[in-house]
N, C-alpha and C. Protein backbone atom coordinates (compact mmCIF):
# COMPACT_ATOMS: atom_id res chain seq x y z
N MET A 1 -0.12 -50.95 -57.32
CA MET A 1 -0.92 -50.74 -57.66
C MET A 1 -2.02 -49.82 -56.67
N THR A 2 -2.60 -49.19 -56.38
CA THR A 2 -3.31 -48.70 -55.40
C THR A 2 -4.52 -47.10 -56.07
N TYR A 3 -5.77 -47.44 -55.62
CA TYR A 3 -6.74 -46.68 -55.79
C TYR A 3 -7.83 -46.09 -54.86
N SER A 4 -8.74 -45.26 -54.96
CA SER A 4 -8.81 -44.58 -53.98
C SER A 4 -10.51 -44.52 -54.40
N LEU A 5 -11.50 -43.48 -53.38
CA LEU A 5 -12.75 -43.33 -53.89
C LEU A 5 -12.46 -41.81 -54.08
N VAL A 6 -13.28 -41.66 -54.74
CA VAL A 6 -13.78 -39.97 -55.42
C VAL A 6 -14.36 -39.25 -54.38
N ASP A 7 -15.45 -39.72 -53.72
CA ASP A 7 -16.17 -39.23 -52.35
C ASP A 7 -15.94 -40.03 -51.37
N GLU A 8 -14.72 -40.43 -50.70
CA GLU A 8 -14.69 -40.98 -49.34
C GLU A 8 -15.31 -40.48 -48.10
N GLU A 9 -16.08 -39.28 -47.87
CA GLU A 9 -16.44 -38.85 -47.01
C GLU A 9 -18.05 -39.69 -47.06
N ALA A 10 -18.90 -39.20 -48.46
CA ALA A 10 -19.91 -39.70 -48.55
C ALA A 10 -20.02 -40.93 -48.35
N ALA A 11 -19.16 -42.04 -48.62
CA ALA A 11 -19.20 -43.57 -48.79
C ALA A 11 -18.81 -43.62 -46.89
N LYS A 12 -18.20 -43.12 -46.21
CA LYS A 12 -18.14 -43.06 -44.52
C LYS A 12 -19.51 -42.83 -44.17
N GLN A 13 -20.12 -41.51 -44.72
CA GLN A 13 -21.37 -41.62 -44.48
C GLN A 13 -22.83 -42.42 -44.83
N ARG A 14 -22.89 -42.90 -45.62
CA ARG A 14 -23.61 -43.89 -45.83
C ARG A 14 -22.94 -45.49 -45.05
N ALA A 15 -21.98 -45.29 -44.68
CA ALA A 15 -21.90 -46.82 -43.69
C ALA A 15 -22.46 -46.21 -42.62
N VAL A 16 -21.81 -45.17 -41.58
CA VAL A 16 -22.60 -45.07 -40.45
C VAL A 16 -23.91 -44.73 -40.30
N ALA A 17 -24.68 -44.49 -41.37
CA ALA A 17 -26.11 -44.18 -41.33
C ALA A 17 -26.54 -45.76 -41.71
N GLU A 18 -26.11 -46.60 -42.20
CA GLU A 18 -26.74 -48.02 -42.36
C GLU A 18 -26.04 -48.83 -41.22
N ALA A 19 -25.43 -48.68 -40.46
CA ALA A 19 -24.75 -49.01 -39.14
C ALA A 19 -25.89 -48.61 -38.05
N MET A 20 -26.38 -47.62 -38.00
CA MET A 20 -27.03 -46.65 -37.19
C MET A 20 -28.99 -47.67 -36.68
N HIS A 21 -29.21 -47.76 -38.23
CA HIS A 21 -30.39 -48.36 -38.89
C HIS A 21 -30.32 -49.48 -38.61
N ARG A 22 -29.17 -50.25 -38.32
CA ARG A 22 -29.39 -51.87 -38.26
C ARG A 22 -29.45 -51.87 -36.75
N ALA A 23 -28.52 -50.91 -35.78
CA ALA A 23 -28.25 -50.90 -34.42
C ALA A 23 -29.82 -50.98 -33.76
N MET A 24 -30.48 -49.22 -34.38
CA MET A 24 -31.74 -48.99 -33.56
C MET A 24 -33.15 -50.38 -34.18
N GLY A 25 -32.52 -50.81 -35.54
CA GLY A 25 -33.34 -51.70 -35.97
C GLY A 25 -33.89 -53.33 -34.78
N ARG A 26 -32.57 -53.82 -34.45
CA ARG A 26 -31.91 -54.84 -33.33
C ARG A 26 -32.89 -54.54 -31.89
N ALA A 27 -32.35 -53.03 -31.48
CA ALA A 27 -32.20 -52.93 -30.36
C ALA A 27 -33.86 -52.74 -30.58
N SER A 28 -35.07 -52.44 -30.93
CA SER A 28 -35.95 -52.65 -31.21
C SER A 28 -37.00 -53.99 -31.35
N ALA A 29 -35.92 -54.66 -32.12
CA ALA A 29 -36.39 -55.89 -31.95
C ALA A 29 -36.79 -56.99 -30.42
N ALA A 30 -35.24 -56.06 -30.17
CA ALA A 30 -34.93 -57.01 -28.43
C ALA A 30 -36.16 -56.47 -27.64
N LEU A 31 -36.54 -55.48 -27.70
CA LEU A 31 -36.78 -54.95 -26.84
C LEU A 31 -38.74 -55.35 -27.25
N GLU A 32 -39.40 -55.38 -28.48
CA GLU A 32 -40.29 -55.69 -28.50
C GLU A 32 -40.88 -56.88 -27.60
N GLN A 33 -40.22 -58.12 -27.88
CA GLN A 33 -40.34 -59.04 -26.84
C GLN A 33 -41.08 -58.54 -25.63
N LYS A 34 -40.41 -57.45 -24.86
CA LYS A 34 -41.07 -57.48 -23.95
C LYS A 34 -41.58 -56.32 -23.47
N GLY A 35 -42.96 -55.77 -25.15
CA GLY A 35 -43.47 -55.11 -25.32
C GLY A 35 -43.35 -53.33 -24.87
N GLN A 36 -41.66 -53.32 -24.78
CA GLN A 36 -41.26 -52.23 -24.72
C GLN A 36 -40.44 -51.36 -25.97
N LYS A 37 -40.34 -50.20 -26.12
CA LYS A 37 -39.55 -49.51 -27.42
C LYS A 37 -38.34 -48.85 -26.90
N VAL A 38 -37.74 -48.36 -28.03
CA VAL A 38 -36.35 -47.57 -28.21
C VAL A 38 -36.48 -46.57 -27.67
N GLY A 39 -36.09 -45.81 -26.40
CA GLY A 39 -36.20 -44.28 -26.30
C GLY A 39 -35.10 -43.71 -26.86
N SER A 40 -34.66 -42.43 -26.25
CA SER A 40 -33.60 -41.48 -26.76
C SER A 40 -32.39 -42.17 -26.96
N LEU A 41 -31.39 -41.83 -27.76
CA LEU A 41 -29.87 -42.68 -27.43
C LEU A 41 -28.80 -42.01 -26.24
N ARG A 42 -28.40 -42.62 -25.63
CA ARG A 42 -27.99 -42.36 -24.32
C ARG A 42 -26.49 -42.02 -24.74
N TYR A 43 -26.16 -43.25 -25.59
CA TYR A 43 -24.59 -43.24 -25.83
C TYR A 43 -24.34 -43.93 -27.10
N ALA A 44 -22.91 -43.10 -27.87
CA ALA A 44 -23.14 -44.39 -28.96
C ALA A 44 -21.31 -44.38 -29.41
N SER A 45 -21.14 -45.20 -29.72
CA SER A 45 -19.53 -45.43 -30.25
C SER A 45 -19.56 -45.71 -31.61
N LEU A 46 -18.37 -45.50 -31.83
CA LEU A 46 -18.46 -44.91 -33.63
C LEU A 46 -17.11 -45.86 -34.50
N ASP A 47 -16.79 -46.50 -35.34
CA ASP A 47 -15.65 -46.68 -35.58
C ASP A 47 -16.06 -47.18 -37.08
N VAL A 48 -14.75 -46.46 -38.19
CA VAL A 48 -15.75 -46.55 -38.84
C VAL A 48 -13.84 -46.57 -40.20
N ARG A 49 -14.29 -47.84 -40.61
CA ARG A 49 -13.25 -48.44 -41.80
C ARG A 49 -12.59 -48.35 -43.01
N GLN A 50 -11.94 -47.78 -43.60
CA GLN A 50 -11.76 -48.44 -44.94
C GLN A 50 -11.04 -49.08 -45.66
N LEU A 51 -11.02 -50.06 -46.25
CA LEU A 51 -9.96 -50.97 -46.82
C LEU A 51 -9.75 -50.57 -48.12
N MET A 52 -8.50 -50.29 -48.48
CA MET A 52 -7.63 -49.40 -49.89
C MET A 52 -7.61 -50.45 -50.44
N GLY A 53 -8.30 -50.03 -52.42
CA GLY A 53 -7.90 -51.14 -52.77
C GLY A 53 -7.02 -51.35 -53.42
N VAL A 54 -6.16 -52.62 -53.50
CA VAL A 54 -4.67 -52.49 -54.28
C VAL A 54 -5.10 -53.80 -54.83
N ALA A 55 -4.75 -53.14 -56.13
CA ALA A 55 -4.86 -53.92 -57.47
C ALA A 55 -3.43 -54.50 -57.75
N ARG A 56 -2.55 -56.02 -57.62
CA ARG A 56 -1.06 -56.47 -57.33
C ARG A 56 -0.77 -56.95 -58.94
N LEU A 57 -0.13 -56.53 -59.98
CA LEU A 57 0.60 -57.36 -60.65
C LEU A 57 1.94 -58.65 -60.34
N GLU A 58 1.60 -60.16 -61.01
CA GLU A 58 2.21 -60.99 -60.75
C GLU A 58 3.71 -60.21 -61.60
N PRO A 59 4.67 -61.27 -60.99
CA PRO A 59 6.13 -60.98 -61.84
C PRO A 59 6.33 -61.07 -63.08
N ALA A 60 5.10 -62.34 -63.63
CA ALA A 60 5.25 -62.25 -64.85
C ALA A 60 4.36 -61.85 -65.67
N GLN A 61 4.04 -60.82 -65.14
CA GLN A 61 3.25 -59.66 -65.64
C GLN A 61 3.71 -58.54 -65.96
N MET A 62 5.17 -57.80 -65.15
CA MET A 62 6.09 -56.80 -65.21
C MET A 62 6.42 -57.01 -66.48
N MET A 63 7.10 -55.58 -66.50
CA MET A 63 8.03 -55.56 -67.65
C MET A 63 9.65 -55.58 -67.34
N MET A 64 10.10 -56.31 -68.14
CA MET A 64 11.54 -57.18 -68.26
C MET A 64 12.48 -56.40 -68.74
N GLU A 65 13.48 -56.14 -68.40
CA GLU A 65 14.85 -55.57 -68.94
C GLU A 65 15.83 -56.81 -69.47
N SER A 66 15.86 -56.55 -70.52
CA SER A 66 17.33 -57.41 -70.81
C SER A 66 18.60 -56.76 -71.85
N ALA A 67 19.92 -57.17 -71.07
CA ALA A 67 20.94 -56.35 -71.98
C ALA A 67 21.78 -57.37 -73.04
N GLU A 68 22.14 -57.04 -73.80
CA GLU A 68 22.69 -57.71 -74.85
C GLU A 68 24.21 -57.46 -75.33
N VAL A 69 25.50 -58.58 -75.45
CA VAL A 69 26.08 -57.31 -76.16
C VAL A 69 26.58 -58.58 -77.36
N SER A 70 26.71 -57.88 -78.18
CA SER A 70 27.18 -58.24 -79.28
C SER A 70 27.75 -57.25 -80.61
N ALA A 71 28.90 -58.75 -80.75
CA ALA A 71 30.35 -58.12 -81.74
C ALA A 71 30.60 -56.45 -80.85
N GLY A 72 30.75 -56.22 -80.01
CA GLY A 72 31.39 -54.83 -78.97
C GLY A 72 30.24 -54.08 -78.93
N ALA A 73 29.12 -54.15 -79.48
CA ALA A 73 28.24 -53.32 -78.99
C ALA A 73 27.17 -53.71 -77.88
N PHE A 74 26.75 -52.45 -77.07
CA PHE A 74 25.87 -53.04 -76.09
C PHE A 74 24.80 -52.35 -76.27
N ASP A 75 23.77 -53.40 -76.56
CA ASP A 75 22.32 -52.90 -76.85
C ASP A 75 21.29 -53.32 -75.34
N THR A 76 20.18 -52.34 -75.27
CA THR A 76 19.26 -52.47 -74.31
C THR A 76 17.79 -52.37 -75.13
N ARG A 77 17.31 -53.96 -74.48
CA ARG A 77 15.80 -54.07 -74.62
C ARG A 77 14.83 -54.20 -74.12
N ARG A 78 13.53 -53.90 -74.22
CA ARG A 78 12.72 -53.88 -72.75
C ARG A 78 11.81 -55.02 -74.04
N ARG A 79 11.12 -55.98 -73.29
CA ARG A 79 10.76 -56.46 -73.80
C ARG A 79 9.14 -57.07 -72.72
N MET A 80 8.26 -57.21 -72.96
CA MET A 80 7.08 -57.24 -71.97
C MET A 80 7.28 -59.39 -72.00
N ALA A 81 6.99 -59.94 -70.44
CA ALA A 81 6.96 -60.72 -70.47
C ALA A 81 5.66 -61.52 -70.92
N SER A 82 4.67 -60.90 -70.67
CA SER A 82 3.06 -61.33 -70.92
C SER A 82 2.60 -60.09 -71.33
N PRO A 83 1.28 -60.23 -72.35
CA PRO A 83 0.67 -58.70 -71.74
C PRO A 83 -0.01 -58.36 -70.95
N LEU A 84 -0.29 -57.73 -70.42
CA LEU A 84 -0.73 -57.16 -69.35
C LEU A 84 -1.85 -57.31 -69.13
N PRO A 85 -3.09 -57.17 -67.92
CA PRO A 85 -4.03 -57.70 -68.06
C PRO A 85 -4.80 -55.99 -68.00
N PRO A 86 -6.32 -55.84 -68.29
CA PRO A 86 -6.16 -54.15 -67.98
C PRO A 86 -6.61 -54.77 -66.55
N VAL A 87 -6.48 -53.15 -66.29
CA VAL A 87 -6.28 -52.68 -64.98
C VAL A 87 -8.10 -52.08 -64.61
N ALA A 88 -8.93 -53.16 -63.76
CA ALA A 88 -10.13 -52.49 -63.64
C ALA A 88 -10.37 -52.15 -61.86
N PRO A 89 -10.61 -51.06 -61.53
CA PRO A 89 -10.50 -50.86 -60.04
C PRO A 89 -11.71 -51.93 -59.26
N GLU A 90 -11.42 -52.79 -58.48
CA GLU A 90 -12.14 -53.56 -58.00
C GLU A 90 -12.57 -52.91 -56.16
N ARG A 91 -13.51 -53.47 -55.39
CA ARG A 91 -14.37 -52.83 -54.67
C ARG A 91 -13.59 -52.46 -53.40
N ILE A 92 -13.71 -51.09 -53.24
CA ILE A 92 -13.57 -50.78 -51.86
C ILE A 92 -14.05 -50.63 -51.21
N THR A 93 -13.85 -51.24 -49.65
CA THR A 93 -14.49 -52.01 -48.56
C THR A 93 -15.19 -50.66 -47.29
N VAL A 94 -16.19 -49.86 -47.34
CA VAL A 94 -16.14 -49.20 -46.05
C VAL A 94 -16.85 -49.14 -45.02
N THR A 95 -16.55 -49.88 -43.87
CA THR A 95 -17.42 -50.33 -42.81
C THR A 95 -17.29 -49.46 -41.34
N ALA A 96 -18.54 -49.60 -40.64
CA ALA A 96 -18.95 -49.09 -39.49
C ALA A 96 -19.53 -49.90 -38.58
N THR A 97 -19.04 -49.80 -37.67
CA THR A 97 -19.50 -50.18 -35.90
C THR A 97 -19.96 -49.50 -35.26
N VAL A 98 -20.89 -49.52 -34.89
CA VAL A 98 -21.56 -48.49 -33.89
C VAL A 98 -21.72 -49.15 -32.19
N GLN A 99 -21.96 -48.97 -31.36
CA GLN A 99 -22.48 -49.60 -30.27
C GLN A 99 -23.40 -48.40 -29.42
N CYS A 100 -24.57 -48.75 -29.23
CA CYS A 100 -25.43 -48.22 -28.90
C CYS A 100 -26.45 -48.20 -27.55
N ALA A 101 -26.45 -47.33 -26.38
CA ALA A 101 -27.09 -47.75 -25.59
C ALA A 101 -28.43 -46.20 -25.37
N PHE A 102 -29.44 -47.14 -25.31
CA PHE A 102 -30.58 -46.63 -25.33
C PHE A 102 -31.46 -46.29 -23.96
N GLN A 103 -32.25 -45.36 -24.23
CA GLN A 103 -33.15 -45.07 -22.91
C GLN A 103 -34.89 -46.52 -23.27
N ILE A 104 -35.08 -47.30 -22.79
CA ILE A 104 -36.09 -47.60 -22.90
C ILE A 104 -37.36 -46.66 -22.31
N LEU A 105 -38.38 -47.27 -23.28
CA LEU A 105 -39.57 -46.74 -22.58
C LEU A 105 -40.45 -48.17 -22.36
């Protein structure tokens, strides 16, 4: 069983914005030690990844089929090995990695 995001693009944009915010914050913190500031962005490389949601049912939770023959009649029955657990979506992780080069002021 697989599931996906309703608005995948919005999730990717939020991940990119957060990655860029962190990159700028870290560059500012590093330059602050020398009394310098982050200038304009000179270069950026971006990688966005999404881990798809997958729910796995164990074999004991799957429907089993059995066939029985009695008195010449063939009888097919379906039975559940055990009750299925409620299926609820898990988290889908969207990550963005950014590498930046800034002008130093």
